Amino acid sequence: MMTSTASQQRRHQSGGSVPSWVREHGLLLANAGLFLAFFGGMVLTGAADYSDDQVAHGEQAVTVLGYLSTGAFVEATFENWESEFLQMGMYVILTVFLFQKGSSESKPLGKVAPQDENPRKAAAKDTTPWPVRRGGWVLKLYEHSLSIMFLLLFLASFALHAVGGSAAYSAEQQSHGQPPVTVYEYLGTSRFWFESFQNWQSEFLAVAVLVGASVYLRERGSPESKPVAEPHYETGT
């Protein structure tokens, strides 16, 4: 019985039959899997919708692979990615300077958070990230690398949104006997900015709801929530 109990405890500590690598990266793997599933659904349903529209205008339907080369697919994909990367990048930057009393999404008020510590004063170890040990301009870039990554992803998605959108818009123009537009001309259309603003506003609404709701509401076991018994006024973790 003692051997059985010890074995059960070891399995519990190691996550049971789940491989340790999967357990250690479960959050990333789950989100990547959901992304692939929903992205696949978007491609299939997008191709079907695009083909229906083509047939309605007297054009030929397209295959799924053919749909991937259309401006409609590129536009639909990157106008959404653009807003997601903008949201996350701005959230990373805003939480450096701004606070929300009582929110688990905010750094604590009135005291230095671990994230504010100067890495130049840290004792370097073998496990310390290489840029910190290297110092200089490499460290300067590294300590802002998260926001830089989101900025670059946003700009790339913004550009591809414009490229795909201009192709889709030009195809519509030509089907109505109008001249096509360049990418630069498309950037000046109300359609491009409507597509952007309708996505951007929803992203920041979601962040505002999360920040405000985390003051009063709880989710036991989630690092995005304060402990269930924590007072409303407690800020951060």
C-alpha atoms as a PDB file:
ATOM      1  CA  MET A   1       0.000   0.000   0.000  1.00  0.00           C
ATOM      2  CA  MET A   2       2.829   2.388   0.835  1.00  0.00           C
ATOM      3  CA  THR A   3       4.493   1.700  -2.538  1.00  0.00           C
ATOM      4  CA  SER A   4       1.202   2.275  -4.338  1.00  0.00           C
ATOM      5  CA  THR A   5       0.622   5.565  -2.491  1.00  0.00           C
ATOM      6  CA  ALA A   6       4.137   6.821  -3.273  1.00  0.00           C
ATOM      7  CA  SER A   7       3.651   5.893  -6.932  1.00  0.00           C
ATOM      8  CA  GLN A   8       0.356   7.796  -7.053  1.00  0.00           C
ATOM      9  CA  GLN A   9       1.988  10.835  -5.501  1.00  0.00           C
ATOM     10  CA  ARG A  10       4.788  10.777  -8.110  1.00  0.00           C
ATOM     11  CA  ARG A  11       2.243  10.495 -10.927  1.00  0.00           C
ATOM     12  CA  HIS A  12       0.256  13.395  -9.483  1.00  0.00           C
ATOM     13  CA  GLN A  13       3.361  15.561  -9.202  1.00  0.00           C
ATOM     14  CA  SER A  14       4.445  14.766 -12.765  1.00  0.00           C
ATOM     15  CA  GLY A  15       0.970  15.300 -14.232  1.00  0.00           C
ATOM     16  CA  GLY A  16      -0.069  11.614 -14.373  1.00  0.00           C
ATOM     17  CA  SER A  17       0.269  10.052 -17.822  1.00  0.00           C
ATOM     18  CA  VAL A  18       0.733  13.435 -19.550  1.00  0.00           C
ATOM     19  CA  PRO A  19       4.313  13.803 -20.900  1.00  0.00           C
ATOM     20  CA  SER A  20       6.238  16.428 -18.957  1.00  0.00           C
ATOM     21  CA  TRP A  21       6.969  18.512 -22.078  1.00  0.00           C
ATOM     22  CA  VAL A  22       3.255  18.677 -22.957  1.00  0.00           C
ATOM     23  CA  ARG A  23       2.339  19.584 -19.374  1.00  0.00           C
ATOM     24  CA  GLU A  24       4.996  22.313 -19.275  1.00  0.00           C
ATOM     25  CA  HIS A  25       3.811  23.837 -22.561  1.00  0.00           C
ATOM     26  CA  GLY A  26       0.110  23.058 -22.334  1.00  0.00           C
ATOM     27  CA  LEU A  27      -1.120  26.655 -22.487  1.00  0.00           C
ATOM     28  CA  LEU A  28       0.820  27.398 -25.676  1.00  0.00           C
ATOM     29  CA  LEU A  29      -0.097  24.069 -27.272  1.00  0.00           C
ATOM     30  CA  ALA A  30      -3.803  24.477 -26.493  1.00  0.00           C
ATOM     31  CA  ASN A  31      -3.932  27.967 -27.964  1.00  0.00           C
ATOM     32  CA  ALA A  32      -1.933  26.927 -31.021  1.00  0.00           C
ATOM     33  CA  GLY A  33      -4.297  24.008 -31.558  1.00  0.00           C
ATOM     34  CA  LEU A  34      -7.373  26.211 -31.224  1.00  0.00           C
ATOM     35  CA  PHE A  35      -5.830  28.710 -33.637  1.00  0.00           C
ATOM     36  CA  LEU A  36      -5.239  26.018 -36.264  1.00  0.00           C
ATOM     37  CA  ALA A  37      -8.757  24.627 -35.842  1.00  0.00           C
ATOM     38  CA  PHE A  38     -10.463  28.003 -36.156  1.00  0.00           C
ATOM     39  CA  PHE A  39      -8.127  29.156 -38.914  1.00  0.00           C
ATOM     40  CA  GLY A  40      -8.968  26.038 -40.872  1.00  0.00           C
ATOM     41  CA  GLY A  41     -12.657  26.732 -40.328  1.00  0.00           C
ATOM     42  CA  MET A  42     -12.168  30.306 -41.535  1.00  0.00           C
ATOM     43  CA  VAL A  43     -10.444  29.127 -44.711  1.00  0.00           C
ATOM     44  CA  LEU A  44     -13.112  26.537 -45.565  1.00  0.00           C
ATOM     45  CA  THR A  45     -16.095  28.757 -44.866  1.00  0.00           C
ATOM     46  CA  GLY A  46     -14.373  31.767 -46.434  1.00  0.00           C
ATOM     47  CA  ALA A  47     -13.747  29.830 -49.643  1.00  0.00           C
ATOM     48  CA  ALA A  48     -17.386  28.717 -49.741  1.00  0.00           C
ATOM     49  CA  ASP A  49     -18.665  32.259 -49.151  1.00  0.00           C
ATOM     50  CA  TYR A  50     -16.289  33.711 -51.745  1.00  0.00           C
ATOM     51  CA  SER A  51     -17.365  31.114 -54.303  1.00  0.00           C
ATOM     52  CA  ASP A  52     -21.046  31.867 -53.655  1.00  0.00           C
ATOM     53  CA  ASP A  53     -20.359  35.536 -54.292  1.00  0.00           C
ATOM     54  CA  GLN A  54     -18.416  34.736 -57.460  1.00  0.00           C
ATOM     55  CA  VAL A  55     -21.226  32.588 -58.837  1.00  0.00           C
ATOM     56  CA  ALA A  56     -23.799  35.268 -57.967  1.00  0.00           C
ATOM     57  CA  HIS A  57     -21.824  37.697 -60.145  1.00  0.00           C
ATOM     58  CA  GLY A  58     -21.495  35.285 -63.042  1.00  0.00           C
ATOM     59  CA  GLU A  59     -17.925  34.264 -62.225  1.00  0.00           C
ATOM     60  CA  GLN A  60     -16.435  30.830 -61.582  1.00  0.00           C
ATOM     61  CA  ALA A  61     -16.264  29.348 -58.109  1.00  0.00           C
ATOM     62  CA  VAL A  62     -12.807  28.845 -56.591  1.00  0.00           C
ATOM     63  CA  THR A  63     -11.150  25.940 -54.848  1.00  0.00           C
ATOM     64  CA  VAL A  64      -9.892  26.240 -51.291  1.00  0.00           C
ATOM     65  CA  LEU A  65      -6.313  26.572 -52.576  1.00  0.00           C
ATOM     66  CA  GLY A  66      -7.454  29.144 -55.110  1.00  0.00           C
ATOM     67  CA  TYR A  67      -9.106  31.139 -52.330  1.00  0.00           C
ATOM     68  CA  LEU A  68      -5.795  31.382 -50.461  1.00  0.00           C
ATOM     69  CA  SER A  69      -4.369  33.486 -53.305  1.00  0.00           C
ATOM     70  CA  THR A  70      -7.233  36.001 -53.347  1.00  0.00           C
ATOM     71  CA  GLY A  71      -7.150  39.477 -51.912  1.00  0.00           C
ATOM     72  CA  ALA A  72     -10.303  38.630 -49.955  1.00  0.00           C
ATOM     73  CA  PHE A  73      -8.461  35.944 -47.953  1.00  0.00           C
ATOM     74  CA  VAL A  74      -5.394  38.099 -47.318  1.00  0.00           C
ATOM     75  CA  GLU A  75      -7.552  41.027 -46.246  1.00  0.00           C
ATOM     76  CA  ALA A  76      -9.777  38.968 -43.941  1.00  0.00           C
ATOM     77  CA  THR A  77      -6.778  37.321 -42.282  1.00  0.00           C
ATOM     78  CA  PHE A  78      -4.530  40.269 -41.675  1.00  0.00           C
ATOM     79  CA  GLU A  79      -7.130  42.856 -40.713  1.00  0.00           C
ATOM     80  CA  ASN A  80      -7.858  40.587 -37.744  1.00  0.00           C
ATOM     81  CA  TRP A  81      -4.240  39.800 -36.933  1.00  0.00           C
ATOM     82  CA  GLU A  82      -3.453  43.506 -37.127  1.00  0.00           C
ATOM     83  CA  SER A  83      -5.951  44.343 -34.399  1.00  0.00           C
ATOM     84  CA  GLU A  84      -4.798  41.510 -32.144  1.00  0.00           C
ATOM     85  CA  PHE A  85      -1.144  42.538 -32.301  1.00  0.00           C
ATOM     86  CA  LEU A  86      -2.087  46.195 -31.758  1.00  0.00           C
ATOM     87  CA  GLN A  87      -4.123  45.266 -28.703  1.00  0.00           C
ATOM     88  CA  MET A  88      -1.413  43.129 -27.111  1.00  0.00           C
ATOM     89  CA  GLY A  89       1.389  45.553 -27.928  1.00  0.00           C
ATOM     90  CA  MET A  90      -0.479  48.548 -26.520  1.00  0.00           C
ATOM     91  CA  TYR A  91      -1.471  46.544 -23.446  1.00  0.00           C
ATOM     92  CA  VAL A  92       2.157  45.627 -22.764  1.00  0.00           C
ATOM     93  CA  ILE A  93       3.207  49.285 -23.105  1.00  0.00           C
ATOM     94  CA  LEU A  94       0.300  50.823 -21.160  1.00  0.00           C
ATOM     95  CA  THR A  95       0.796  48.504 -18.188  1.00  0.00           C
ATOM     96  CA  VAL A  96       4.337  49.868 -17.836  1.00  0.00           C
ATOM     97  CA  PHE A  97       3.018  53.341 -16.944  1.00  0.00           C
ATOM     98  CA  LEU A  98      -0.647  53.035 -15.967  1.00  0.00           C
ATOM     99  CA  PHE A  99      -2.373  51.389 -13.016  1.00  0.00           C
ATOM    100  CA  GLN A 100      -5.844  50.177 -12.079  1.00  0.00           C
ATOM    101  CA  LYS A 101      -6.553  49.966  -8.380  1.00  0.00           C
ATOM    102  CA  GLY A 102      -7.838  46.553  -7.414  1.00  0.00           C
ATOM    103  CA  SER A 103      -7.131  44.881 -10.769  1.00  0.00           C
ATOM    104  CA  SER A 104      -5.046  41.729 -11.102  1.00  0.00           C
ATOM    105  CA  GLU A 105      -3.986  43.061 -14.511  1.00  0.00           C
ATOM    106  CA  SER A 106      -2.148  46.023 -12.971  1.00  0.00           C
ATOM    107  CA  LYS A 107       1.187  46.299 -11.197  1.00  0.00           C
ATOM    108  CA  PRO A 108       0.847  47.018  -7.449  1.00  0.00           C
ATOM    109  CA  LEU A 109       0.356  50.634  -6.408  1.00  0.00           C
ATOM    110  CA  GLY A 110       2.874  52.380  -4.181  1.00  0.00           C
ATOM    111  CA  LYS A 111       5.697  49.859  -4.415  1.00  0.00           C
ATOM    112  CA  VAL A 112       8.283  48.658  -6.895  1.00  0.00           C
ATOM    113  CA  ALA A 113       7.187  45.627  -8.901  1.00  0.00           C
ATOM    114  CA  PRO A 114       9.676  42.904  -9.922  1.00  0.00           C
ATOM    115  CA  GLN A 115       9.146  43.966 -13.542  1.00  0.00           C
ATOM    116  CA  ASP A 116      10.569  47.407 -12.712  1.00  0.00           C
ATOM    117  CA  GLU A 117      13.887  46.104 -11.412  1.00  0.00           C
ATOM    118  CA  ASN A 118      16.963  47.243 -13.330  1.00  0.00           C
ATOM    119  CA  PRO A 119      18.520  44.164 -14.986  1.00  0.00           C
ATOM    120  CA  ARG A 120      21.919  45.890 -14.953  1.00  0.00           C
ATOM    121  CA  LYS A 121      21.987  45.467 -11.176  1.00  0.00           C
ATOM    122  CA  ALA A 122      21.069  41.798 -11.256  1.00  0.00           C
ATOM    123  CA  ALA A 123      23.634  39.173 -10.327  1.00  0.00           C
ATOM    124  CA  ALA A 124      24.425  37.325 -13.563  1.00  0.00           C
ATOM    125  CA  LYS A 125      24.131  33.539 -13.481  1.00  0.00           C
ATOM    126  CA  ASP A 126      24.369  30.801 -16.090  1.00  0.00           C
ATOM    127  CA  THR A 127      20.576  30.842 -16.365  1.00  0.00           C
ATOM    128  CA  THR A 128      20.433  34.615 -16.864  1.00  0.00           C
ATOM    129  CA  PRO A 129      19.319  35.420 -20.443  1.00  0.00           C
ATOM    130  CA  TRP A 130      22.282  36.090 -22.736  1.00  0.00           C
ATOM    131  CA  PRO A 131      21.263  39.697 -23.600  1.00  0.00           C
ATOM    132  CA  VAL A 132      21.323  40.584 -19.893  1.00  0.00           C
ATOM    133  CA  ARG A 133      24.822  39.161 -19.512  1.00  0.00           C
ATOM    134  CA  ARG A 134      25.924  40.871 -22.753  1.00  0.00           C
ATOM    135  CA  GLY A 135      24.664  44.317 -21.706  1.00  0.00           C
ATOM    136  CA  GLY A 136      24.931  47.477 -23.796  1.00  0.00           C
ATOM    137  CA  TRP A 137      22.622  48.041 -26.765  1.00  0.00           C
ATOM    138  CA  VAL A 138      21.741  44.338 -26.844  1.00  0.00           C
ATOM    139  CA  LEU A 139      20.243  44.589 -23.371  1.00  0.00           C
ATOM    140  CA  LYS A 140      18.550  47.878 -24.270  1.00  0.00           C
ATOM    141  CA  LEU A 141      16.714  46.143 -27.113  1.00  0.00           C
ATOM    142  CA  TYR A 142      16.012  43.035 -25.056  1.00  0.00           C
ATOM    143  CA  GLU A 143      14.333  44.894 -22.194  1.00  0.00           C
ATOM    144  CA  HIS A 144      11.806  46.246 -24.722  1.00  0.00           C
ATOM    145  CA  SER A 145      11.782  43.207 -27.022  1.00  0.00           C
ATOM    146  CA  LEU A 146       8.208  42.165 -26.213  1.00  0.00           C
ATOM    147  CA  SER A 147       6.676  45.472 -27.296  1.00  0.00           C
ATOM    148  CA  ILE A 148       9.048  45.648 -30.290  1.00  0.00           C
ATOM    149  CA  MET A 149       7.898  42.215 -31.456  1.00  0.00           C
ATOM    150  CA  PHE A 150       4.220  43.198 -31.254  1.00  0.00           C
ATOM    151  CA  LEU A 151       4.924  46.482 -33.050  1.00  0.00           C
ATOM    152  CA  LEU A 152       6.660  44.696 -35.926  1.00  0.00           C
ATOM    153  CA  LEU A 153       3.887  42.098 -36.171  1.00  0.00           C
ATOM    154  CA  PHE A 154       1.288  44.872 -36.171  1.00  0.00           C
ATOM    155  CA  LEU A 155       3.070  46.819 -38.924  1.00  0.00           C
ATOM    156  CA  ALA A 156       3.508  43.692 -41.050  1.00  0.00           C
ATOM    157  CA  SER A 157      -0.170  42.761 -40.622  1.00  0.00           C
ATOM    158  CA  PHE A 158      -1.236  46.360 -41.308  1.00  0.00           C
ATOM    159  CA  ALA A 159       0.735  46.327 -44.569  1.00  0.00           C
ATOM    160  CA  LEU A 160      -0.651  42.956 -45.656  1.00  0.00           C
ATOM    161  CA  HIS A 161      -4.170  44.103 -44.764  1.00  0.00           C
ATOM    162  CA  ALA A 162      -3.639  47.045 -47.124  1.00  0.00           C
ATOM    163  CA  VAL A 163      -2.224  44.808 -49.883  1.00  0.00           C
ATOM    164  CA  GLY A 164      -5.001  42.228 -49.640  1.00  0.00           C
ATOM    165  CA  GLY A 165      -7.678  44.871 -49.217  1.00  0.00           C
ATOM    166  CA  SER A 166      -6.547  46.812 -52.267  1.00  0.00           C
ATOM    167  CA  ALA A 167      -6.643  43.632 -54.376  1.00  0.00           C
ATOM    168  CA  ALA A 168     -10.148  42.753 -53.175  1.00  0.00           C
ATOM    169  CA  TYR A 169     -11.358  46.325 -53.583  1.00  0.00           C
ATOM    170  CA  SER A 170      -9.886  46.558 -57.090  1.00  0.00           C
ATOM    171  CA  ALA A 171     -11.610  43.327 -58.111  1.00  0.00           C
ATOM    172  CA  GLU A 172     -14.931  44.762 -56.960  1.00  0.00           C
ATOM    173  CA  GLN A 173     -14.252  48.022 -58.765  1.00  0.00           C
ATOM    174  CA  GLN A 174     -13.460  46.251 -62.025  1.00  0.00           C
ATOM    175  CA  SER A 175     -16.595  44.080 -61.793  1.00  0.00           C
ATOM    176  CA  HIS A 176     -18.575  47.344 -61.709  1.00  0.00           C
ATOM    177  CA  GLY A 177     -16.676  48.902 -64.578  1.00  0.00           C
ATOM    178  CA  GLN A 178     -14.521  51.093 -62.322  1.00  0.00           C
ATOM    179  CA  PRO A 179     -10.700  51.399 -62.380  1.00  0.00           C
ATOM    180  CA  PRO A 180      -8.599  49.434 -59.847  1.00  0.00           C
ATOM    181  CA  VAL A 181      -6.723  51.182 -57.036  1.00  0.00           C
ATOM    182  CA  THR A 182      -3.165  51.034 -55.814  1.00  0.00           C
ATOM    183  CA  VAL A 183      -2.292  50.059 -52.256  1.00  0.00           C
ATOM    184  CA  TYR A 184      -1.549  53.704 -51.464  1.00  0.00           C
ATOM    185  CA  GLU A 185      -4.927  54.790 -52.886  1.00  0.00           C
ATOM    186  CA  TYR A 186      -6.687  52.083 -50.895  1.00  0.00           C
ATOM    187  CA  LEU A 187      -5.171  53.459 -47.700  1.00  0.00           C
ATOM    188  CA  GLY A 188      -7.132  56.649 -48.372  1.00  0.00           C
ATOM    189  CA  THR A 189     -10.499  54.912 -48.627  1.00  0.00           C
ATOM    190  CA  SER A 190     -13.087  54.869 -45.871  1.00  0.00           C
ATOM    191  CA  ARG A 191     -13.424  51.110 -46.330  1.00  0.00           C
ATOM    192  CA  PHE A 192      -9.851  50.426 -45.224  1.00  0.00           C
ATOM    193  CA  TRP A 193     -10.201  52.498 -42.073  1.00  0.00           C
ATOM    194  CA  PHE A 194     -13.662  51.127 -41.323  1.00  0.00           C
ATOM    195  CA  GLU A 195     -12.213  47.609 -41.431  1.00  0.00           C
ATOM    196  CA  SER A 196      -9.423  48.679 -39.091  1.00  0.00           C
ATOM    197  CA  PHE A 197     -11.505  50.665 -36.599  1.00  0.00           C
ATOM    198  CA  GLN A 198     -14.222  48.020 -36.315  1.00  0.00           C
ATOM    199  CA  ASN A 199     -11.580  45.537 -35.173  1.00  0.00           C
ATOM    200  CA  TRP A 200      -9.504  47.897 -33.045  1.00  0.00           C
ATOM    201  CA  GLN A 201     -12.447  49.120 -30.971  1.00  0.00           C
ATOM    202  CA  SER A 202     -13.529  45.599 -30.056  1.00  0.00           C
ATOM    203  CA  GLU A 203     -10.028  44.646 -28.914  1.00  0.00           C
ATOM    204  CA  PHE A 204      -9.733  47.574 -26.516  1.00  0.00           C
ATOM    205  CA  LEU A 205     -13.272  46.992 -25.258  1.00  0.00           C
ATOM    206  CA  ALA A 206     -12.282  43.436 -24.329  1.00  0.00           C
ATOM    207  CA  VAL A 207      -9.173  44.666 -22.489  1.00  0.00           C
ATOM    208  CA  ALA A 208     -11.149  47.337 -20.611  1.00  0.00           C
ATOM    209  CA  VAL A 209     -13.724  44.741 -19.524  1.00  0.00           C
ATOM    210  CA  LEU A 210     -10.968  42.368 -18.326  1.00  0.00           C
ATOM    211  CA  VAL A 211      -9.154  45.106 -16.398  1.00  0.00           C
ATOM    212  CA  GLY A 212     -12.325  46.387 -14.740  1.00  0.00           C
ATOM    213  CA  ALA A 213     -13.967  43.027 -14.095  1.00  0.00           C
ATOM    214  CA  SER A 214     -10.848  41.576 -12.459  1.00  0.00           C
ATOM    215  CA  VAL A 215     -11.305  44.094  -9.631  1.00  0.00           C
ATOM    216  CA  TYR A 216     -14.551  42.472  -8.480  1.00  0.00           C
ATOM    217  CA  LEU A 217     -14.804  39.062 -10.152  1.00  0.00           C
ATOM    218  CA  ARG A 218     -12.659  35.969  -9.638  1.00  0.00           C
ATOM    219  CA  GLU A 219     -11.672  32.779 -11.420  1.00  0.00           C
ATOM    220  CA  ARG A 220     -10.189  30.300  -8.995  1.00  0.00           C
ATOM    221  CA  GLY A 221      -6.929  28.820 -10.281  1.00  0.00           C
ATOM    222  CA  SER A 222      -6.296  31.414 -12.998  1.00  0.00           C
ATOM    223  CA  PRO A 223      -3.245  33.719 -12.833  1.00  0.00           C
ATOM    224  CA  GLU A 224      -5.418  36.349 -14.535  1.00  0.00           C
ATOM    225  CA  SER A 225      -7.492  36.540 -11.343  1.00  0.00           C
ATOM    226  CA  LYS A 226      -6.699  37.528  -7.782  1.00  0.00           C
ATOM    227  CA  PRO A 227      -7.180  34.866  -5.089  1.00  0.00           C
ATOM    228  CA  VAL A 228     -10.901  34.413  -4.504  1.00  0.00           C
ATOM    229  CA  ALA A 229     -10.738  35.696  -0.902  1.00  0.00           C
ATOM    230  CA  GLU A 230      -8.562  38.720  -1.778  1.00  0.00           C
ATOM    231  CA  PRO A 231     -10.150  42.145  -1.057  1.00  0.00           C
ATOM    232  CA  HIS A 232     -11.328  44.174  -4.032  1.00  0.00           C
ATOM    233  CA  TYR A 233      -8.869  46.960  -3.318  1.00  0.00           C
ATOM    234  CA  GLU A 234      -5.777  44.730  -3.534  1.00  0.00           C
ATOM    235  CA  THR A 235      -3.929  45.562  -6.753  1.00  0.00           C
ATOM    236  CA  GLY A 236      -1.739  43.237  -8.807  1.00  0.00           C
ATOM    237  CA  THR A 237      -0.316  40.031  -7.438  1.00  0.00           C
END
